[in-house]
Each structure stands twice: as structure tokens, then as C-alpha cells.
Amino acid sequence: MARCGARALRACARRRGREHVVIDTLYVLYDARCGICSRVRAWMQQQPAYVALAFVAAGSERARRLFPDLDHDADPRELVVITNEGAVYVDDAAWLLCLWALADYRTWAFRFARGPLRPLARVAWQLLSENRRELARILALRSDEEVARELERQPETC
């Protein structure tokens, strides 16, 4: 799978030696054990989007089945987004692609993808990424895995 940069944000269609291919689905591999990551996933699912967003817990069986060529770390340290064409984006480029997919945030994706704001996007992403678990703890944001474990412990009622 090819790694692509933010230049792909300029248009939703690319030419790869054949007819134009439209990005119609983004597979977002997120850390389901991270409260901030889980909260952002839920927020993104509520936003109007130009393309389908399929969220997959990084390192899960589903992720391994869908993307067997990826390195599935036990502790995901980076956001990974894969297009329906197989282009792989990581870290801040992945976040910018997620913004590009959202109807209300595409303009911001273009602004942060180039020019003087690009370094700011990189630094902001790095700070959030490196401190995400501590921030989730401070903000009392529960991860998808924590919520699932809590639901499993609850007695069944009619």
C-alpha cells in the first residue's frame, strides 16, 4: 500500500494511469482504548460527510482481516486512514484527510494542509497524539473498550 501525503487533499479524484478514481470511503483505524480517540470517532460519525467513514479499531481482528499488509501494533501510536483505493495516510496527514471528508471542515483541511498553517497542524497533532491518554484521563473520557467492558458487567434486564 502506498503512503501518500497531504497533496491528495486538493481533489477527491486522482489519476493512476487510468480513469479517474473517486475517493468514496475512508477506513479510519483508531485506538479504541483511548478516550479521546473514541470521543473523536463518535463526533465524526455525527458530522455530515462527503465520503463514507468506516471506523475500525486499530489492531482488531477486523483491521487485520481488512488490511493484512499493515503493521498492526498492539499499542497503536498513530492515526491511520486508508482510502478505498488503498492509499495510506498516517498521523497529521490522516487527520487532515478526516477533516477533508467532513462537509463542514473541508475548507479547514485545505488551509491546514499547505502554507504557513501546515507546520502548526503537525505540531498540534504531535502534541495531541503524544498526550492523548493523559488528556483523556484528565477529561474523564472513556474509551470504546471501557464502555464495552462496563456494559458486559451490567446485569441483563428486560
N, C-alpha and C. Protein backbone atom coordinates (compact mmCIF):
# COMPACT_ATOMS: atom_id res chain seq x y z
N MET A 1 0.83 -1.17 0.00
CA MET A 1 0.00 0.00 0.00
C MET A 1 0.88 1.24 0.00
N ALA A 2 0.53 2.18 -0.80
CA ALA A 2 1.33 3.39 -0.92
C ALA A 2 1.01 4.37 0.20
N ARG A 3 2.04 5.07 0.64
CA ARG A 3 1.83 6.14 1.61
C ARG A 3 1.73 7.44 0.84
N CYS A 4 0.72 8.22 1.13
CA CYS A 4 0.51 9.48 0.42
C CYS A 4 0.55 10.63 1.40
N GLY A 5 0.83 11.81 0.92
CA GLY A 5 0.86 12.99 1.76
C GLY A 5 -0.39 13.82 1.60
N ALA A 6 -0.33 15.01 2.16
CA ALA A 6 -1.50 15.89 2.16
C ALA A 6 -1.83 16.44 0.78
N ARG A 7 -0.93 16.29 -0.19
CA ARG A 7 -1.22 16.81 -1.52
C ARG A 7 -2.48 16.19 -2.11
N ALA A 8 -2.85 15.02 -1.64
CA ALA A 8 -4.05 14.36 -2.15
C ALA A 8 -5.32 15.06 -1.69
N LEU A 9 -5.19 16.00 -0.77
CA LEU A 9 -6.36 16.73 -0.30
C LEU A 9 -6.88 17.72 -1.34
N ARG A 10 -6.10 18.02 -2.35
CA ARG A 10 -6.50 19.04 -3.31
C ARG A 10 -7.73 18.65 -4.12
N ALA A 11 -7.96 17.40 -4.30
CA ALA A 11 -9.13 16.95 -5.05
C ALA A 11 -9.51 15.56 -4.60
N CYS A 12 -10.76 15.21 -4.78
CA CYS A 12 -11.18 13.87 -4.36
C CYS A 12 -10.96 12.85 -5.46
N ALA A 13 -10.52 13.28 -6.62
CA ALA A 13 -10.23 12.34 -7.71
C ALA A 13 -8.74 12.35 -8.01
N ARG A 14 -8.19 11.18 -8.35
CA ARG A 14 -6.78 11.05 -8.72
C ARG A 14 -6.69 10.29 -10.03
N ARG A 15 -5.61 10.49 -10.72
CA ARG A 15 -5.35 9.70 -11.92
C ARG A 15 -4.18 8.78 -11.61
N ARG A 16 -4.36 7.48 -11.81
CA ARG A 16 -3.30 6.49 -11.59
C ARG A 16 -3.08 5.70 -12.88
N GLY A 17 -2.82 6.42 -13.97
CA GLY A 17 -2.57 5.75 -15.23
C GLY A 17 -3.81 5.15 -15.85
N ARG A 18 -4.97 5.53 -15.36
CA ARG A 18 -6.23 5.04 -15.91
C ARG A 18 -7.29 6.11 -15.65
N GLU A 19 -8.54 5.76 -15.72
CA GLU A 19 -9.60 6.73 -15.49
C GLU A 19 -9.56 7.25 -14.07
N HIS A 20 -10.19 8.41 -13.87
CA HIS A 20 -10.23 9.00 -12.54
C HIS A 20 -10.87 8.03 -11.54
N VAL A 21 -10.29 7.98 -10.37
CA VAL A 21 -10.82 7.17 -9.29
C VAL A 21 -11.26 8.12 -8.19
N VAL A 22 -12.48 7.99 -7.76
CA VAL A 22 -13.01 8.89 -6.74
C VAL A 22 -12.88 8.23 -5.37
N ILE A 23 -12.41 9.02 -4.41
CA ILE A 23 -12.38 8.53 -3.03
C ILE A 23 -13.82 8.55 -2.53
N ASP A 24 -14.36 7.38 -2.23
CA ASP A 24 -15.73 7.33 -1.73
C ASP A 24 -15.83 6.73 -0.33
N THR A 25 -14.74 6.14 0.16
CA THR A 25 -14.73 5.57 1.51
C THR A 25 -13.37 5.78 2.14
N LEU A 26 -13.39 6.18 3.40
CA LEU A 26 -12.17 6.25 4.20
C LEU A 26 -12.31 5.27 5.35
N TYR A 27 -11.32 4.41 5.51
CA TYR A 27 -11.26 3.49 6.65
C TYR A 27 -10.36 4.15 7.68
N VAL A 28 -10.92 4.49 8.82
CA VAL A 28 -10.19 5.20 9.87
C VAL A 28 -9.84 4.20 10.96
N LEU A 29 -8.56 3.88 11.08
CA LEU A 29 -8.09 2.97 12.13
C LEU A 29 -7.73 3.81 13.34
N TYR A 30 -8.51 3.66 14.41
CA TYR A 30 -8.33 4.48 15.60
C TYR A 30 -8.06 3.59 16.80
N ASP A 31 -7.54 4.19 17.86
CA ASP A 31 -7.22 3.47 19.10
C ASP A 31 -8.48 3.39 19.96
N ALA A 32 -9.14 2.24 19.97
CA ALA A 32 -10.39 2.06 20.72
C ALA A 32 -10.15 2.04 22.23
N ARG A 33 -8.88 2.01 22.66
CA ARG A 33 -8.57 2.04 24.10
C ARG A 33 -8.33 3.46 24.59
N CYS A 34 -8.41 4.43 23.69
CA CYS A 34 -8.13 5.83 24.02
C CYS A 34 -9.45 6.60 24.10
N GLY A 35 -9.68 7.28 25.21
CA GLY A 35 -10.91 8.04 25.39
C GLY A 35 -11.07 9.17 24.40
N ILE A 36 -10.00 9.90 24.12
CA ILE A 36 -10.08 11.00 23.15
C ILE A 36 -10.35 10.44 21.75
N CYS A 37 -9.65 9.38 21.39
CA CYS A 37 -9.84 8.76 20.07
C CYS A 37 -11.29 8.29 19.90
N SER A 38 -11.84 7.68 20.94
CA SER A 38 -13.21 7.19 20.89
C SER A 38 -14.20 8.34 20.81
N ARG A 39 -13.92 9.41 21.53
CA ARG A 39 -14.80 10.59 21.51
C ARG A 39 -14.78 11.26 20.13
N VAL A 40 -13.58 11.38 19.54
CA VAL A 40 -13.46 11.98 18.21
C VAL A 40 -14.18 11.10 17.18
N ARG A 41 -14.07 9.79 17.31
CA ARG A 41 -14.79 8.88 16.41
C ARG A 41 -16.29 9.15 16.48
N ALA A 42 -16.83 9.23 17.70
CA ALA A 42 -18.26 9.47 17.87
C ALA A 42 -18.66 10.83 17.28
N TRP A 43 -17.83 11.84 17.50
CA TRP A 43 -18.10 13.18 16.96
C TRP A 43 -18.12 13.14 15.43
N MET A 44 -17.12 12.49 14.84
CA MET A 44 -17.04 12.44 13.38
C MET A 44 -18.25 11.72 12.78
N GLN A 45 -18.74 10.69 13.46
CA GLN A 45 -19.89 9.95 12.95
C GLN A 45 -21.15 10.80 12.93
N GLN A 46 -21.19 11.86 13.71
CA GLN A 46 -22.35 12.74 13.76
C GLN A 46 -22.27 13.87 12.73
N GLN A 47 -21.12 14.05 12.09
CA GLN A 47 -20.92 15.15 11.16
C GLN A 47 -21.36 14.75 9.75
N PRO A 48 -21.94 15.71 9.01
CA PRO A 48 -22.22 15.42 7.60
C PRO A 48 -20.89 15.23 6.86
N ALA A 49 -20.83 14.21 6.01
CA ALA A 49 -19.57 13.88 5.33
C ALA A 49 -19.79 13.72 3.83
N TYR A 50 -18.75 14.07 3.08
CA TYR A 50 -18.77 13.90 1.63
C TYR A 50 -18.49 12.46 1.21
N VAL A 51 -17.81 11.71 2.06
CA VAL A 51 -17.47 10.32 1.76
C VAL A 51 -17.85 9.45 2.95
N ALA A 52 -18.01 8.17 2.72
CA ALA A 52 -18.32 7.25 3.81
C ALA A 52 -17.11 7.10 4.72
N LEU A 53 -17.35 7.09 6.02
CA LEU A 53 -16.30 6.89 7.01
C LEU A 53 -16.55 5.57 7.72
N ALA A 54 -15.61 4.66 7.61
CA ALA A 54 -15.72 3.35 8.27
C ALA A 54 -14.66 3.30 9.36
N PHE A 55 -15.10 3.30 10.61
CA PHE A 55 -14.17 3.30 11.74
C PHE A 55 -13.86 1.86 12.14
N VAL A 56 -12.58 1.58 12.29
CA VAL A 56 -12.12 0.24 12.62
C VAL A 56 -11.12 0.36 13.76
N ALA A 57 -11.34 -0.39 14.83
CA ALA A 57 -10.40 -0.36 15.95
C ALA A 57 -9.04 -0.89 15.48
N ALA A 58 -8.01 -0.08 15.66
CA ALA A 58 -6.66 -0.48 15.25
C ALA A 58 -6.24 -1.75 15.99
N GLY A 59 -5.63 -2.66 15.28
CA GLY A 59 -5.16 -3.90 15.89
C GLY A 59 -6.24 -4.95 16.08
N SER A 60 -7.48 -4.62 15.76
CA SER A 60 -8.58 -5.57 15.94
C SER A 60 -8.53 -6.66 14.86
N GLU A 61 -9.31 -7.70 15.09
CA GLU A 61 -9.40 -8.77 14.09
C GLU A 61 -9.93 -8.22 12.76
N ARG A 62 -10.90 -7.31 12.86
CA ARG A 62 -11.45 -6.71 11.63
C ARG A 62 -10.37 -5.94 10.88
N ALA A 63 -9.55 -5.18 11.59
CA ALA A 63 -8.46 -4.43 10.95
C ALA A 63 -7.48 -5.38 10.29
N ARG A 64 -7.15 -6.46 10.97
CA ARG A 64 -6.21 -7.44 10.42
C ARG A 64 -6.78 -8.12 9.17
N ARG A 65 -8.08 -8.38 9.20
CA ARG A 65 -8.73 -9.03 8.07
C ARG A 65 -8.82 -8.08 6.86
N LEU A 66 -9.20 -6.82 7.12
CA LEU A 66 -9.35 -5.85 6.03
C LEU A 66 -8.01 -5.42 5.43
N PHE A 67 -6.99 -5.30 6.30
CA PHE A 67 -5.70 -4.75 5.86
C PHE A 67 -4.55 -5.64 6.34
N PRO A 68 -4.43 -6.83 5.78
CA PRO A 68 -3.41 -7.77 6.25
C PRO A 68 -1.98 -7.29 6.04
N ASP A 69 -1.76 -6.36 5.11
CA ASP A 69 -0.40 -5.89 4.83
C ASP A 69 0.08 -4.82 5.80
N LEU A 70 -0.80 -4.28 6.62
CA LEU A 70 -0.40 -3.25 7.58
C LEU A 70 0.27 -3.87 8.79
N ASP A 71 1.12 -3.08 9.43
CA ASP A 71 1.72 -3.48 10.70
C ASP A 71 0.71 -3.16 11.79
N HIS A 72 0.16 -4.19 12.42
CA HIS A 72 -0.88 -3.99 13.43
C HIS A 72 -0.26 -4.05 14.83
N ASP A 73 0.28 -2.91 15.27
CA ASP A 73 0.89 -2.83 16.60
C ASP A 73 -0.13 -3.13 17.68
N ALA A 74 0.32 -3.74 18.77
CA ALA A 74 -0.56 -3.97 19.92
C ALA A 74 -0.97 -2.64 20.54
N ASP A 75 -0.10 -1.64 20.47
CA ASP A 75 -0.37 -0.31 21.02
C ASP A 75 -0.28 0.71 19.90
N PRO A 76 -1.41 1.00 19.23
CA PRO A 76 -1.35 1.93 18.10
C PRO A 76 -0.91 3.32 18.55
N ARG A 77 0.11 3.83 17.90
CA ARG A 77 0.65 5.14 18.26
C ARG A 77 0.31 6.21 17.24
N GLU A 78 -0.30 5.82 16.15
CA GLU A 78 -0.59 6.80 15.12
C GLU A 78 -1.97 6.54 14.53
N LEU A 79 -2.59 7.62 14.10
CA LEU A 79 -3.85 7.51 13.38
C LEU A 79 -3.52 7.05 11.96
N VAL A 80 -4.30 6.10 11.46
CA VAL A 80 -4.10 5.60 10.10
C VAL A 80 -5.43 5.70 9.37
N VAL A 81 -5.40 6.26 8.16
CA VAL A 81 -6.58 6.33 7.31
C VAL A 81 -6.21 5.71 5.97
N ILE A 82 -7.08 4.84 5.48
CA ILE A 82 -6.85 4.16 4.21
C ILE A 82 -8.04 4.44 3.30
N THR A 83 -7.75 4.87 2.08
CA THR A 83 -8.82 5.14 1.12
C THR A 83 -9.30 3.84 0.49
N ASN A 84 -10.45 3.91 -0.16
CA ASN A 84 -10.97 2.74 -0.87
C ASN A 84 -10.01 2.28 -1.96
N GLU A 85 -9.09 3.12 -2.38
CA GLU A 85 -8.09 2.75 -3.40
C GLU A 85 -6.82 2.19 -2.79
N GLY A 86 -6.72 2.19 -1.44
CA GLY A 86 -5.55 1.61 -0.79
C GLY A 86 -4.45 2.58 -0.42
N ALA A 87 -4.64 3.88 -0.66
CA ALA A 87 -3.65 4.87 -0.24
C ALA A 87 -3.69 4.98 1.28
N VAL A 88 -2.52 5.01 1.91
CA VAL A 88 -2.41 5.02 3.37
C VAL A 88 -1.90 6.38 3.84
N TYR A 89 -2.60 6.97 4.79
CA TYR A 89 -2.22 8.25 5.39
C TYR A 89 -2.00 8.01 6.87
N VAL A 90 -0.99 8.65 7.45
CA VAL A 90 -0.71 8.48 8.88
C VAL A 90 -0.58 9.84 9.56
N ASP A 91 -0.80 9.81 10.87
CA ASP A 91 -0.62 10.97 11.75
C ASP A 91 -1.36 12.20 11.25
N ASP A 92 -0.66 13.35 11.13
CA ASP A 92 -1.35 14.60 10.79
C ASP A 92 -1.96 14.56 9.39
N ALA A 93 -1.34 13.87 8.44
CA ALA A 93 -1.94 13.74 7.10
C ALA A 93 -3.25 12.96 7.19
N ALA A 94 -3.31 11.97 8.06
CA ALA A 94 -4.55 11.20 8.26
C ALA A 94 -5.64 12.08 8.86
N TRP A 95 -5.26 12.90 9.85
CA TRP A 95 -6.24 13.79 10.47
C TRP A 95 -6.76 14.80 9.45
N LEU A 96 -5.88 15.36 8.63
CA LEU A 96 -6.31 16.31 7.61
C LEU A 96 -7.25 15.64 6.61
N LEU A 97 -6.99 14.39 6.27
CA LEU A 97 -7.88 13.68 5.35
C LEU A 97 -9.25 13.47 6.00
N CYS A 98 -9.27 13.21 7.30
CA CYS A 98 -10.56 13.09 8.01
C CYS A 98 -11.32 14.41 7.96
N LEU A 99 -10.63 15.52 8.18
CA LEU A 99 -11.29 16.83 8.09
C LEU A 99 -11.79 17.07 6.67
N TRP A 100 -10.99 16.69 5.67
CA TRP A 100 -11.36 16.85 4.27
C TRP A 100 -12.66 16.10 3.96
N ALA A 101 -12.88 14.99 4.62
CA ALA A 101 -14.08 14.18 4.38
C ALA A 101 -15.34 14.81 4.94
N LEU A 102 -15.20 15.67 5.95
CA LEU A 102 -16.36 16.26 6.63
C LEU A 102 -16.82 17.53 5.93
N ALA A 103 -18.11 17.62 5.67
CA ALA A 103 -18.66 18.74 4.91
C ALA A 103 -18.33 20.10 5.54
N ASP A 104 -18.43 20.21 6.84
CA ASP A 104 -18.23 21.50 7.50
C ASP A 104 -16.76 21.83 7.76
N TYR A 105 -15.85 20.91 7.45
CA TYR A 105 -14.44 21.12 7.80
C TYR A 105 -13.49 20.99 6.62
N ARG A 106 -14.01 20.77 5.43
CA ARG A 106 -13.12 20.61 4.26
C ARG A 106 -12.27 21.86 4.04
N THR A 107 -12.86 23.03 4.18
CA THR A 107 -12.09 24.27 4.00
C THR A 107 -10.93 24.33 4.97
N TRP A 108 -11.15 23.92 6.20
CA TRP A 108 -10.07 23.91 7.20
C TRP A 108 -8.99 22.91 6.82
N ALA A 109 -9.38 21.79 6.26
CA ALA A 109 -8.38 20.80 5.82
C ALA A 109 -7.47 21.41 4.77
N PHE A 110 -8.04 22.13 3.81
CA PHE A 110 -7.22 22.78 2.79
C PHE A 110 -6.30 23.83 3.42
N ARG A 111 -6.82 24.60 4.36
CA ARG A 111 -6.00 25.64 5.00
C ARG A 111 -4.83 25.05 5.76
N PHE A 112 -5.09 23.98 6.52
CA PHE A 112 -4.03 23.37 7.32
C PHE A 112 -3.08 22.50 6.49
N ALA A 113 -3.48 22.11 5.31
CA ALA A 113 -2.66 21.20 4.51
C ALA A 113 -1.47 21.87 3.84
N ARG A 114 -1.51 23.17 3.69
CA ARG A 114 -0.41 23.83 2.98
C ARG A 114 -0.16 25.22 3.55
N GLY A 115 0.92 25.79 3.11
CA GLY A 115 1.26 27.14 3.50
C GLY A 115 1.69 27.24 4.95
N PRO A 116 1.52 28.42 5.52
CA PRO A 116 2.05 28.67 6.87
C PRO A 116 1.35 27.87 7.98
N LEU A 117 0.16 27.35 7.74
CA LEU A 117 -0.54 26.60 8.79
C LEU A 117 -0.13 25.13 8.85
N ARG A 118 0.55 24.63 7.83
CA ARG A 118 0.94 23.21 7.82
C ARG A 118 1.83 22.84 9.00
N PRO A 119 2.87 23.63 9.31
CA PRO A 119 3.68 23.29 10.49
C PRO A 119 2.86 23.30 11.78
N LEU A 120 1.89 24.22 11.88
CA LEU A 120 1.03 24.28 13.06
C LEU A 120 0.20 23.00 13.17
N ALA A 121 -0.31 22.52 12.05
CA ALA A 121 -1.09 21.27 12.06
C ALA A 121 -0.23 20.11 12.54
N ARG A 122 1.02 20.06 12.09
CA ARG A 122 1.93 18.98 12.51
C ARG A 122 2.19 19.04 14.01
N VAL A 123 2.50 20.23 14.52
CA VAL A 123 2.81 20.39 15.95
C VAL A 123 1.57 20.09 16.79
N ALA A 124 0.41 20.61 16.39
CA ALA A 124 -0.82 20.37 17.15
C ALA A 124 -1.13 18.87 17.19
N TRP A 125 -0.99 18.20 16.04
CA TRP A 125 -1.24 16.77 16.01
C TRP A 125 -0.27 16.02 16.91
N GLN A 126 1.00 16.39 16.86
CA GLN A 126 2.02 15.71 17.67
C GLN A 126 1.72 15.87 19.16
N LEU A 127 1.37 17.08 19.58
CA LEU A 127 1.06 17.32 20.99
C LEU A 127 -0.16 16.50 21.43
N LEU A 128 -1.19 16.50 20.63
CA LEU A 128 -2.40 15.74 20.98
C LEU A 128 -2.10 14.25 21.00
N SER A 129 -1.41 13.78 19.99
CA SER A 129 -1.12 12.35 19.88
C SER A 129 -0.27 11.84 21.04
N GLU A 130 0.77 12.59 21.39
CA GLU A 130 1.67 12.16 22.46
C GLU A 130 1.03 12.22 23.84
N ASN A 131 0.02 13.06 24.01
CA ASN A 131 -0.58 13.26 25.33
C ASN A 131 -2.03 12.81 25.40
N ARG A 132 -2.48 12.04 24.43
CA ARG A 132 -3.90 11.71 24.33
C ARG A 132 -4.43 10.91 25.52
N ARG A 133 -3.67 9.97 26.02
CA ARG A 133 -4.17 9.16 27.14
C ARG A 133 -4.26 9.98 28.41
N GLU A 134 -3.28 10.82 28.66
CA GLU A 134 -3.32 11.68 29.84
C GLU A 134 -4.46 12.69 29.74
N LEU A 135 -4.66 13.26 28.56
CA LEU A 135 -5.78 14.19 28.37
C LEU A 135 -7.12 13.49 28.57
N ALA A 136 -7.25 12.28 28.07
CA ALA A 136 -8.49 11.52 28.25
C ALA A 136 -8.74 11.27 29.73
N ARG A 137 -7.67 10.96 30.48
CA ARG A 137 -7.82 10.72 31.92
C ARG A 137 -8.26 12.00 32.62
N ILE A 138 -7.62 13.12 32.31
CA ILE A 138 -7.96 14.40 32.93
C ILE A 138 -9.40 14.80 32.62
N LEU A 139 -9.81 14.58 31.38
CA LEU A 139 -11.16 14.97 30.95
C LEU A 139 -12.21 13.89 31.22
N ALA A 140 -11.78 12.79 31.82
CA ALA A 140 -12.68 11.67 32.15
C ALA A 140 -13.42 11.16 30.91
N LEU A 141 -12.69 11.01 29.81
CA LEU A 141 -13.27 10.48 28.58
C LEU A 141 -13.00 8.98 28.53
N ARG A 142 -14.06 8.21 28.48
CA ARG A 142 -13.93 6.75 28.48
C ARG A 142 -13.77 6.24 27.05
N SER A 143 -12.95 5.23 26.91
CA SER A 143 -12.71 4.65 25.59
C SER A 143 -13.85 3.71 25.22
N ASP A 144 -13.91 3.36 23.94
CA ASP A 144 -14.91 2.39 23.47
C ASP A 144 -14.75 1.06 24.20
N GLU A 145 -13.51 0.64 24.42
CA GLU A 145 -13.27 -0.63 25.12
C GLU A 145 -13.74 -0.56 26.57
N GLU A 146 -13.53 0.56 27.24
CA GLU A 146 -14.00 0.70 28.63
C GLU A 146 -15.52 0.65 28.69
N VAL A 147 -16.18 1.32 27.77
CA VAL A 147 -17.65 1.31 27.74
C VAL A 147 -18.16 -0.10 27.47
N ALA A 148 -17.53 -0.82 26.54
CA ALA A 148 -17.94 -2.19 26.23
C ALA A 148 -17.78 -3.10 27.45
N ARG A 149 -16.66 -2.97 28.17
CA ARG A 149 -16.45 -3.78 29.38
C ARG A 149 -17.50 -3.48 30.43
N GLU A 150 -17.83 -2.21 30.61
CA GLU A 150 -18.84 -1.82 31.59
C GLU A 150 -20.21 -2.40 31.22
N LEU A 151 -20.56 -2.36 29.95
CA LEU A 151 -21.84 -2.92 29.50
C LEU A 151 -21.90 -4.43 29.71
N GLU A 152 -20.77 -5.10 29.52
CA GLU A 152 -20.73 -6.55 29.74
C GLU A 152 -20.93 -6.90 31.21
N ARG A 153 -20.51 -6.03 32.11
CA ARG A 153 -20.64 -6.28 33.56
C ARG A 153 -22.06 -6.03 34.07
N GLN A 154 -22.85 -5.28 33.32
CA GLN A 154 -24.20 -4.95 33.75
C GLN A 154 -25.10 -6.17 33.66
N PRO A 155 -25.96 -6.37 34.66
CA PRO A 155 -26.90 -7.49 34.59
C PRO A 155 -27.92 -7.25 33.49
N GLU A 156 -28.33 -8.33 32.86
CA GLU A 156 -29.33 -8.20 31.80
C GLU A 156 -30.69 -7.95 32.42
N THR A 157 -31.42 -7.01 31.84
CA THR A 157 -32.77 -6.70 32.31
C THR A 157 -33.70 -6.68 31.12
N CYS A 158 -34.99 -6.87 31.40
CA CYS A 158 -35.99 -6.86 30.32
C CYS A 158 -36.49 -5.47 30.09
